Amino acid sequence: MDAFVKGFYKVLLMLSGVSMVATFGVILLGVAARQFLWDIQGLDAYAGYAIAATLFLALPASLRHGDHIRVTMVLQKLPPRWLNIFEYWCLAAACALTTFFAFYAGRLVWQSYVYHDVSAGADVTPLWIPQVLMLLGCIGLAVAFVDALISRIQGRPFFEVADGESARAE
């Protein structure tokens, strides 16, 4: 199961990279279009969709690599017993919040699909299409927090740290 979850994180990170390249391509197309006085409707919206997809799809992998911000000022002051309790509480709360967020993101996608909700811009894109990428990122983050909590309960490390690099905790 652990290999499947790690593969899921890698696929989402790869899709995030594709979205980042798509953002670059759309912005480059917009710059070129302005130079040739072309009017391509909706390029700004597509750049925004791609940026949002990049951010959401990278969330699980960035959590796995320890790149999310942790407030160590509080953690350093706690005695080991309280630190352990506090970390369990934080992981459980994060599991609940991200699951809640993923559920409502899925509901938003479904409602956008059912009601044929489209972008208010000139591109008139069905909104469920870019929202699906947001939903995938939300599901991935919820899975990552559940994975982190299960790893903590089992006593195995969750965060991947590169060789010679200490865990980033800011």
N, C-alpha and C. Protein backbone atom coordinates (compact mmCIF):
# COMPACT_ATOMS: atom_id res chain seq x y z
N MET A 1 0.83 -1.20 0.00
CA MET A 1 0.00 0.00 0.00
C MET A 1 0.87 1.26 0.00
N ASP A 2 2.00 1.19 0.72
CA ASP A 2 2.88 2.35 0.81
C ASP A 2 3.44 2.70 -0.58
N ALA A 3 3.77 1.69 -1.37
CA ALA A 3 4.29 1.94 -2.72
C ALA A 3 3.23 2.59 -3.60
N PHE A 4 1.99 2.18 -3.44
CA PHE A 4 0.90 2.77 -4.22
C PHE A 4 0.72 4.25 -3.88
N VAL A 5 0.75 4.56 -2.59
CA VAL A 5 0.56 5.95 -2.14
C VAL A 5 1.73 6.82 -2.62
N LYS A 6 2.95 6.30 -2.51
CA LYS A 6 4.11 7.05 -2.99
C LYS A 6 4.02 7.28 -4.49
N GLY A 7 3.55 6.28 -5.22
CA GLY A 7 3.35 6.43 -6.66
C GLY A 7 2.30 7.49 -6.98
N PHE A 8 1.24 7.52 -6.17
CA PHE A 8 0.19 8.52 -6.33
C PHE A 8 0.76 9.93 -6.15
N TYR A 9 1.60 10.10 -5.12
CA TYR A 9 2.23 11.41 -4.90
C TYR A 9 3.11 11.79 -6.09
N LYS A 10 3.85 10.82 -6.62
CA LYS A 10 4.73 11.10 -7.76
C LYS A 10 3.94 11.47 -9.00
N VAL A 11 2.82 10.79 -9.24
CA VAL A 11 1.98 11.12 -10.40
C VAL A 11 1.43 12.54 -10.27
N LEU A 12 0.96 12.89 -9.07
CA LEU A 12 0.44 14.24 -8.86
C LEU A 12 1.55 15.28 -9.03
N LEU A 13 2.75 14.97 -8.57
CA LEU A 13 3.86 15.90 -8.73
C LEU A 13 4.24 16.05 -10.20
N MET A 14 4.18 14.94 -10.96
CA MET A 14 4.45 15.01 -12.39
C MET A 14 3.39 15.87 -13.10
N LEU A 15 2.13 15.68 -12.73
CA LEU A 15 1.06 16.51 -13.31
C LEU A 15 1.24 17.98 -12.93
N SER A 16 1.75 18.23 -11.73
CA SER A 16 2.05 19.59 -11.32
C SER A 16 3.12 20.20 -12.21
N GLY A 17 4.14 19.42 -12.52
CA GLY A 17 5.19 19.89 -13.43
C GLY A 17 4.65 20.18 -14.82
N VAL A 18 3.77 19.32 -15.30
CA VAL A 18 3.14 19.54 -16.61
C VAL A 18 2.32 20.83 -16.58
N SER A 19 1.61 21.05 -15.47
CA SER A 19 0.82 22.28 -15.34
C SER A 19 1.71 23.51 -15.31
N MET A 20 2.89 23.40 -14.69
CA MET A 20 3.81 24.52 -14.66
C MET A 20 4.33 24.84 -16.06
N VAL A 21 4.64 23.82 -16.81
CA VAL A 21 5.09 24.02 -18.20
C VAL A 21 3.95 24.60 -19.03
N ALA A 22 2.73 24.15 -18.78
CA ALA A 22 1.56 24.69 -19.49
C ALA A 22 1.37 26.17 -19.15
N THR A 23 1.60 26.53 -17.90
CA THR A 23 1.52 27.95 -17.51
C THR A 23 2.51 28.76 -18.31
N PHE A 24 3.75 28.28 -18.38
CA PHE A 24 4.78 28.97 -19.14
C PHE A 24 4.38 29.10 -20.61
N GLY A 25 3.86 28.02 -21.18
CA GLY A 25 3.46 28.04 -22.58
C GLY A 25 2.33 29.01 -22.85
N VAL A 26 1.34 29.05 -21.97
CA VAL A 26 0.21 29.96 -22.16
C VAL A 26 0.66 31.42 -22.04
N ILE A 27 1.52 31.69 -21.06
CA ILE A 27 2.01 33.07 -20.90
C ILE A 27 2.87 33.46 -22.09
N LEU A 28 3.71 32.55 -22.56
CA LEU A 28 4.53 32.82 -23.73
C LEU A 28 3.66 33.06 -24.96
N LEU A 29 2.61 32.29 -25.12
CA LEU A 29 1.68 32.49 -26.23
C LEU A 29 1.00 33.85 -26.12
N GLY A 30 0.64 34.25 -24.91
CA GLY A 30 0.03 35.57 -24.71
C GLY A 30 0.96 36.70 -25.08
N VAL A 31 2.23 36.57 -24.72
CA VAL A 31 3.22 37.61 -25.07
C VAL A 31 3.38 37.67 -26.58
N ALA A 32 3.51 36.51 -27.22
CA ALA A 32 3.65 36.48 -28.68
C ALA A 32 2.40 37.03 -29.37
N ALA A 33 1.25 36.71 -28.85
CA ALA A 33 0.00 37.19 -29.45
C ALA A 33 -0.07 38.71 -29.39
N ARG A 34 0.37 39.29 -28.29
CA ARG A 34 0.36 40.76 -28.19
C ARG A 34 1.31 41.39 -29.20
N GLN A 35 2.43 40.75 -29.44
CA GLN A 35 3.41 41.29 -30.39
C GLN A 35 2.85 41.31 -31.81
N PHE A 36 2.03 40.33 -32.15
CA PHE A 36 1.44 40.25 -33.49
C PHE A 36 0.03 40.79 -33.54
N LEU A 37 -0.40 41.46 -32.46
CA LEU A 37 -1.71 42.09 -32.37
C LEU A 37 -2.86 41.09 -32.56
N TRP A 38 -2.65 39.86 -32.06
CA TRP A 38 -3.71 38.87 -32.07
C TRP A 38 -4.49 38.98 -30.77
N ASP A 39 -5.76 38.66 -30.84
CA ASP A 39 -6.58 38.64 -29.64
C ASP A 39 -7.02 37.20 -29.39
N ILE A 40 -6.36 36.53 -28.48
CA ILE A 40 -6.72 35.15 -28.13
C ILE A 40 -7.49 35.20 -26.82
N GLN A 41 -8.77 34.90 -26.90
CA GLN A 41 -9.66 34.99 -25.75
C GLN A 41 -9.32 33.94 -24.69
N GLY A 42 -9.29 34.36 -23.45
CA GLY A 42 -9.19 33.44 -22.33
C GLY A 42 -7.81 33.00 -21.92
N LEU A 43 -6.76 33.57 -22.49
CA LEU A 43 -5.42 33.13 -22.13
C LEU A 43 -5.10 33.40 -20.66
N ASP A 44 -5.54 34.52 -20.15
CA ASP A 44 -5.30 34.83 -18.74
C ASP A 44 -5.99 33.81 -17.84
N ALA A 45 -7.19 33.44 -18.20
CA ALA A 45 -7.92 32.44 -17.41
C ALA A 45 -7.20 31.09 -17.44
N TYR A 46 -6.72 30.69 -18.61
CA TYR A 46 -6.02 29.42 -18.72
C TYR A 46 -4.72 29.43 -17.93
N ALA A 47 -4.02 30.55 -17.92
CA ALA A 47 -2.81 30.67 -17.10
C ALA A 47 -3.17 30.51 -15.62
N GLY A 48 -4.26 31.13 -15.21
CA GLY A 48 -4.71 31.00 -13.83
C GLY A 48 -5.09 29.57 -13.47
N TYR A 49 -5.78 28.89 -14.37
CA TYR A 49 -6.15 27.49 -14.13
C TYR A 49 -4.89 26.64 -13.98
N ALA A 50 -3.91 26.88 -14.85
CA ALA A 50 -2.67 26.09 -14.81
C ALA A 50 -1.88 26.36 -13.54
N ILE A 51 -1.84 27.61 -13.09
CA ILE A 51 -1.13 27.95 -11.85
C ILE A 51 -1.82 27.28 -10.66
N ALA A 52 -3.15 27.34 -10.62
CA ALA A 52 -3.88 26.69 -9.53
C ALA A 52 -3.64 25.18 -9.54
N ALA A 53 -3.64 24.58 -10.71
CA ALA A 53 -3.38 23.14 -10.82
C ALA A 53 -1.96 22.82 -10.33
N THR A 54 -1.00 23.65 -10.70
CA THR A 54 0.38 23.45 -10.26
C THR A 54 0.46 23.44 -8.74
N LEU A 55 -0.17 24.40 -8.12
CA LEU A 55 -0.11 24.51 -6.66
C LEU A 55 -0.81 23.36 -5.96
N PHE A 56 -2.03 23.06 -6.37
CA PHE A 56 -2.79 22.01 -5.69
C PHE A 56 -2.20 20.63 -5.90
N LEU A 57 -1.73 20.34 -7.10
CA LEU A 57 -1.19 19.01 -7.38
C LEU A 57 0.14 18.76 -6.68
N ALA A 58 0.86 19.81 -6.32
CA ALA A 58 2.15 19.65 -5.64
C ALA A 58 2.01 19.52 -4.13
N LEU A 59 0.83 19.74 -3.58
CA LEU A 59 0.66 19.71 -2.12
C LEU A 59 1.07 18.39 -1.46
N PRO A 60 0.62 17.23 -1.96
CA PRO A 60 0.99 15.98 -1.26
C PRO A 60 2.49 15.71 -1.28
N ALA A 61 3.13 15.91 -2.41
CA ALA A 61 4.58 15.65 -2.49
C ALA A 61 5.36 16.63 -1.63
N SER A 62 4.92 17.88 -1.57
CA SER A 62 5.63 18.84 -0.74
C SER A 62 5.46 18.51 0.75
N LEU A 63 4.33 17.96 1.15
CA LEU A 63 4.16 17.50 2.52
C LEU A 63 5.09 16.32 2.79
N ARG A 64 5.14 15.41 1.86
CA ARG A 64 5.99 14.21 1.99
C ARG A 64 7.46 14.58 2.14
N HIS A 65 7.88 15.63 1.44
CA HIS A 65 9.28 16.06 1.49
C HIS A 65 9.56 17.04 2.62
N GLY A 66 8.56 17.33 3.44
CA GLY A 66 8.76 18.20 4.59
C GLY A 66 8.86 19.67 4.23
N ASP A 67 8.27 20.07 3.11
CA ASP A 67 8.38 21.45 2.65
C ASP A 67 7.26 22.35 3.14
N HIS A 68 6.26 21.81 3.81
CA HIS A 68 5.22 22.66 4.38
C HIS A 68 5.77 23.31 5.64
N ILE A 69 5.28 24.46 5.95
CA ILE A 69 5.80 25.22 7.08
C ILE A 69 5.27 24.64 8.39
N ARG A 70 6.18 24.40 9.32
CA ARG A 70 5.83 23.98 10.68
C ARG A 70 6.35 25.04 11.64
N VAL A 71 5.60 25.31 12.65
CA VAL A 71 6.01 26.34 13.61
C VAL A 71 6.84 25.68 14.70
N THR A 72 8.15 25.74 14.55
CA THR A 72 9.04 25.08 15.50
C THR A 72 9.26 25.88 16.77
N MET A 73 8.93 27.16 16.75
CA MET A 73 9.07 27.96 17.97
C MET A 73 8.24 27.36 19.09
N VAL A 74 7.06 26.90 18.78
CA VAL A 74 6.20 26.28 19.78
C VAL A 74 6.68 24.86 20.07
N LEU A 75 7.02 24.12 19.01
CA LEU A 75 7.42 22.72 19.18
C LEU A 75 8.68 22.58 20.01
N GLN A 76 9.63 23.50 19.88
CA GLN A 76 10.89 23.41 20.62
C GLN A 76 10.70 23.63 22.12
N LYS A 77 9.67 24.32 22.50
CA LYS A 77 9.44 24.64 23.91
C LYS A 77 8.68 23.55 24.66
N LEU A 78 8.07 22.62 23.92
CA LEU A 78 7.26 21.59 24.57
C LEU A 78 8.12 20.45 25.10
N PRO A 79 7.75 19.90 26.25
CA PRO A 79 8.44 18.70 26.72
C PRO A 79 8.10 17.53 25.79
N PRO A 80 8.96 16.50 25.74
CA PRO A 80 8.75 15.39 24.79
C PRO A 80 7.36 14.75 24.85
N ARG A 81 6.81 14.58 26.03
CA ARG A 81 5.49 13.95 26.14
C ARG A 81 4.42 14.83 25.49
N TRP A 82 4.45 16.12 25.80
CA TRP A 82 3.47 17.05 25.22
C TRP A 82 3.69 17.21 23.73
N LEU A 83 4.94 17.17 23.29
CA LEU A 83 5.25 17.26 21.86
C LEU A 83 4.61 16.10 21.12
N ASN A 84 4.70 14.91 21.68
CA ASN A 84 4.11 13.72 21.06
C ASN A 84 2.59 13.87 20.96
N ILE A 85 1.96 14.29 22.04
CA ILE A 85 0.51 14.49 22.05
C ILE A 85 0.11 15.57 21.05
N PHE A 86 0.86 16.66 21.03
CA PHE A 86 0.57 17.78 20.14
C PHE A 86 0.69 17.37 18.67
N GLU A 87 1.71 16.59 18.34
CA GLU A 87 1.88 16.14 16.95
C GLU A 87 0.75 15.21 16.52
N TYR A 88 0.33 14.30 17.41
CA TYR A 88 -0.82 13.45 17.08
C TYR A 88 -2.07 14.29 16.86
N TRP A 89 -2.29 15.26 17.74
CA TRP A 89 -3.46 16.11 17.61
C TRP A 89 -3.42 16.89 16.30
N CYS A 90 -2.26 17.45 15.96
CA CYS A 90 -2.13 18.22 14.72
C CYS A 90 -2.37 17.35 13.49
N LEU A 91 -1.82 16.15 13.49
CA LEU A 91 -2.03 15.27 12.34
C LEU A 91 -3.50 14.84 12.24
N ALA A 92 -4.13 14.55 13.36
CA ALA A 92 -5.54 14.17 13.33
C ALA A 92 -6.41 15.35 12.85
N ALA A 93 -6.11 16.55 13.34
CA ALA A 93 -6.86 17.73 12.90
C ALA A 93 -6.64 17.99 11.42
N ALA A 94 -5.41 17.84 10.96
CA ALA A 94 -5.12 18.04 9.53
C ALA A 94 -5.84 17.00 8.68
N CYS A 95 -5.91 15.76 9.15
CA CYS A 95 -6.66 14.72 8.42
C CYS A 95 -8.13 15.12 8.29
N ALA A 96 -8.70 15.57 9.39
CA ALA A 96 -10.11 15.97 9.37
C ALA A 96 -10.34 17.16 8.45
N LEU A 97 -9.50 18.18 8.57
CA LEU A 97 -9.69 19.38 7.75
C LEU A 97 -9.48 19.13 6.27
N THR A 98 -8.44 18.38 5.92
CA THR A 98 -8.19 18.14 4.49
C THR A 98 -9.24 17.20 3.89
N THR A 99 -9.74 16.26 4.69
CA THR A 99 -10.82 15.40 4.20
C THR A 99 -12.09 16.22 3.97
N PHE A 100 -12.38 17.10 4.90
CA PHE A 100 -13.51 18.02 4.76
C PHE A 100 -13.36 18.87 3.50
N PHE A 101 -12.16 19.42 3.31
CA PHE A 101 -11.90 20.27 2.15
C PHE A 101 -12.02 19.47 0.85
N ALA A 102 -11.49 18.25 0.84
CA ALA A 102 -11.57 17.40 -0.36
C ALA A 102 -13.02 17.04 -0.67
N PHE A 103 -13.80 16.76 0.36
CA PHE A 103 -15.21 16.43 0.16
C PHE A 103 -15.94 17.60 -0.50
N TYR A 104 -15.73 18.80 0.03
CA TYR A 104 -16.43 19.96 -0.53
C TYR A 104 -15.86 20.40 -1.87
N ALA A 105 -14.60 20.12 -2.12
CA ALA A 105 -14.05 20.37 -3.46
C ALA A 105 -14.71 19.42 -4.46
N GLY A 106 -14.90 18.16 -4.05
CA GLY A 106 -15.60 17.21 -4.92
C GLY A 106 -17.04 17.61 -5.16
N ARG A 107 -17.66 18.12 -4.14
CA ARG A 107 -19.04 18.59 -4.27
C ARG A 107 -19.11 19.78 -5.23
N LEU A 108 -18.13 20.68 -5.14
CA LEU A 108 -18.08 21.83 -6.04
C LEU A 108 -17.92 21.38 -7.49
N VAL A 109 -17.03 20.42 -7.72
CA VAL A 109 -16.83 19.90 -9.07
C VAL A 109 -18.13 19.30 -9.60
N TRP A 110 -18.78 18.51 -8.77
CA TRP A 110 -20.03 17.87 -9.18
C TRP A 110 -21.10 18.91 -9.51
N GLN A 111 -21.25 19.92 -8.66
CA GLN A 111 -22.26 20.94 -8.91
C GLN A 111 -21.93 21.75 -10.17
N SER A 112 -20.66 22.03 -10.39
CA SER A 112 -20.27 22.74 -11.61
C SER A 112 -20.60 21.92 -12.84
N TYR A 113 -20.43 20.61 -12.73
CA TYR A 113 -20.73 19.73 -13.86
C TYR A 113 -22.25 19.64 -14.09
N VAL A 114 -23.00 19.43 -13.03
CA VAL A 114 -24.45 19.25 -13.14
C VAL A 114 -25.14 20.52 -13.64
N TYR A 115 -24.71 21.67 -13.13
CA TYR A 115 -25.35 22.93 -13.49
C TYR A 115 -24.70 23.62 -14.69
N HIS A 116 -23.76 22.94 -15.34
CA HIS A 116 -23.10 23.48 -16.53
C HIS A 116 -22.51 24.86 -16.25
N ASP A 117 -21.84 24.99 -15.11
CA ASP A 117 -21.22 26.26 -14.72
C ASP A 117 -20.00 26.51 -15.62
N VAL A 118 -19.94 27.72 -16.16
CA VAL A 118 -18.83 28.07 -17.05
C VAL A 118 -18.13 29.32 -16.52
N SER A 119 -16.93 29.52 -17.00
CA SER A 119 -16.14 30.68 -16.62
C SER A 119 -16.84 31.96 -17.05
N ALA A 120 -16.71 33.00 -16.24
CA ALA A 120 -17.34 34.28 -16.57
C ALA A 120 -16.55 35.05 -17.62
N GLY A 121 -15.32 34.59 -17.89
CA GLY A 121 -14.49 35.27 -18.88
C GLY A 121 -14.89 34.93 -20.30
N ALA A 122 -14.10 35.42 -21.22
CA ALA A 122 -14.38 35.23 -22.65
C ALA A 122 -14.15 33.79 -23.10
N ASP A 123 -13.43 33.00 -22.30
CA ASP A 123 -13.11 31.63 -22.71
C ASP A 123 -14.28 30.66 -22.55
N VAL A 124 -15.23 30.96 -21.66
CA VAL A 124 -16.43 30.14 -21.40
C VAL A 124 -16.06 28.66 -21.20
N THR A 125 -15.07 28.43 -20.39
CA THR A 125 -14.63 27.07 -20.08
C THR A 125 -15.56 26.45 -19.05
N PRO A 126 -15.99 25.21 -19.24
CA PRO A 126 -16.74 24.53 -18.18
C PRO A 126 -15.85 24.43 -16.94
N LEU A 127 -16.31 24.96 -15.82
CA LEU A 127 -15.46 25.09 -14.65
C LEU A 127 -15.09 23.76 -13.99
N TRP A 128 -15.84 22.72 -14.25
CA TRP A 128 -15.51 21.44 -13.64
C TRP A 128 -14.17 20.92 -14.14
N ILE A 129 -13.74 21.32 -15.32
CA ILE A 129 -12.48 20.81 -15.88
C ILE A 129 -11.28 21.28 -15.05
N PRO A 130 -11.08 22.58 -14.83
CA PRO A 130 -9.95 22.96 -13.97
C PRO A 130 -10.17 22.59 -12.50
N GLN A 131 -11.42 22.49 -12.08
CA GLN A 131 -11.70 22.14 -10.69
C GLN A 131 -11.34 20.70 -10.37
N VAL A 132 -11.35 19.82 -11.38
CA VAL A 132 -10.98 18.43 -11.16
C VAL A 132 -9.52 18.34 -10.70
N LEU A 133 -8.67 19.18 -11.26
CA LEU A 133 -7.26 19.17 -10.86
C LEU A 133 -7.10 19.66 -9.42
N MET A 134 -7.89 20.65 -9.03
CA MET A 134 -7.89 21.10 -7.65
C MET A 134 -8.35 19.96 -6.74
N LEU A 135 -9.39 19.25 -7.15
CA LEU A 135 -9.91 18.13 -6.37
C LEU A 135 -8.86 17.04 -6.20
N LEU A 136 -8.13 16.73 -7.27
CA LEU A 136 -7.08 15.71 -7.17
C LEU A 136 -6.02 16.11 -6.15
N GLY A 137 -5.64 17.38 -6.16
CA GLY A 137 -4.66 17.86 -5.19
C GLY A 137 -5.19 17.79 -3.77
N CYS A 138 -6.46 18.13 -3.58
CA CYS A 138 -7.08 18.06 -2.24
C CYS A 138 -7.16 16.63 -1.74
N ILE A 139 -7.55 15.72 -2.62
CA ILE A 139 -7.60 14.31 -2.24
C ILE A 139 -6.19 13.81 -1.90
N GLY A 140 -5.23 14.20 -2.72
CA GLY A 140 -3.84 13.81 -2.46
C GLY A 140 -3.34 14.32 -1.13
N LEU A 141 -3.67 15.56 -0.78
CA LEU A 141 -3.22 16.11 0.50
C LEU A 141 -3.90 15.40 1.66
N ALA A 142 -5.18 15.08 1.53
CA ALA A 142 -5.88 14.33 2.58
C ALA A 142 -5.26 12.95 2.75
N VAL A 143 -4.97 12.29 1.65
CA VAL A 143 -4.33 10.97 1.72
C VAL A 143 -2.95 11.09 2.37
N ALA A 144 -2.21 12.14 2.03
CA ALA A 144 -0.88 12.34 2.60
C ALA A 144 -0.94 12.55 4.11
N PHE A 145 -1.91 13.30 4.59
CA PHE A 145 -2.03 13.49 6.04
C PHE A 145 -2.46 12.21 6.74
N VAL A 146 -3.35 11.45 6.14
CA VAL A 146 -3.73 10.16 6.72
C VAL A 146 -2.51 9.23 6.74
N ASP A 147 -1.75 9.24 5.67
CA ASP A 147 -0.52 8.45 5.59
C ASP A 147 0.47 8.88 6.67
N ALA A 148 0.60 10.19 6.89
CA ALA A 148 1.50 10.70 7.92
C ALA A 148 1.05 10.26 9.31
N LEU A 149 -0.25 10.30 9.56
CA LEU A 149 -0.78 9.89 10.86
C LEU A 149 -0.56 8.39 11.08
N ILE A 150 -0.83 7.58 10.07
CA ILE A 150 -0.62 6.14 10.18
C ILE A 150 0.87 5.84 10.38
N SER A 151 1.73 6.55 9.66
CA SER A 151 3.17 6.37 9.83
C SER A 151 3.60 6.70 11.24
N ARG A 152 3.06 7.78 11.77
CA ARG A 152 3.39 8.21 13.15
C ARG A 152 2.93 7.16 14.16
N ILE A 153 1.72 6.62 13.97
CA ILE A 153 1.19 5.59 14.88
C ILE A 153 2.05 4.33 14.82
N GLN A 154 2.49 3.96 13.61
CA GLN A 154 3.31 2.76 13.44
C GLN A 154 4.77 2.97 13.81
N GLY A 155 5.16 4.22 14.05
CA GLY A 155 6.53 4.51 14.46
C GLY A 155 7.52 4.55 13.32
N ARG A 156 7.05 4.67 12.10
CA ARG A 156 7.96 4.77 10.96
C ARG A 156 7.97 6.21 10.45
N PRO A 157 9.07 6.61 9.84
CA PRO A 157 9.16 8.00 9.37
C PRO A 157 8.25 8.24 8.16
N PHE A 158 7.71 9.43 8.09
CA PHE A 158 6.86 9.80 6.96
C PHE A 158 7.62 10.71 6.00
N PHE A 159 8.33 11.68 6.56
CA PHE A 159 9.01 12.67 5.74
C PHE A 159 10.25 12.07 5.09
N GLU A 160 10.41 12.33 3.80
CA GLU A 160 11.61 11.92 3.08
C GLU A 160 12.62 13.04 3.18
N VAL A 161 13.81 12.71 3.63
CA VAL A 161 14.87 13.70 3.73
C VAL A 161 16.00 13.26 2.83
N ALA A 162 16.47 14.18 1.97
CA ALA A 162 17.56 13.87 1.07
C ALA A 162 18.86 13.62 1.87
N ASP A 163 19.80 12.89 1.29
CA ASP A 163 21.05 12.60 1.95
C ASP A 163 21.79 13.87 2.32
N GLY A 164 22.25 13.93 3.54
CA GLY A 164 23.03 15.08 3.98
C GLY A 164 22.20 16.32 4.27
N GLU A 165 20.90 16.21 4.24
CA GLU A 165 20.02 17.36 4.43
C GLU A 165 19.17 17.11 5.66
N SER A 166 19.09 18.10 6.53
CA SER A 166 18.24 17.94 7.71
C SER A 166 16.81 18.27 7.31
N ALA A 167 15.86 17.76 8.08
CA ALA A 167 14.46 18.04 7.79
C ALA A 167 14.19 19.53 7.93
N ARG A 168 13.50 20.07 6.96
CA ARG A 168 13.17 21.50 7.00
C ARG A 168 11.97 21.71 7.89
N ALA A 169 12.18 22.44 8.95
CA ALA A 169 11.08 22.77 9.84
C ALA A 169 11.18 24.26 10.14
N GLU A 170 10.26 25.01 9.60
CA GLU A 170 10.33 26.46 9.74
C GLU A 170 9.13 26.97 10.48
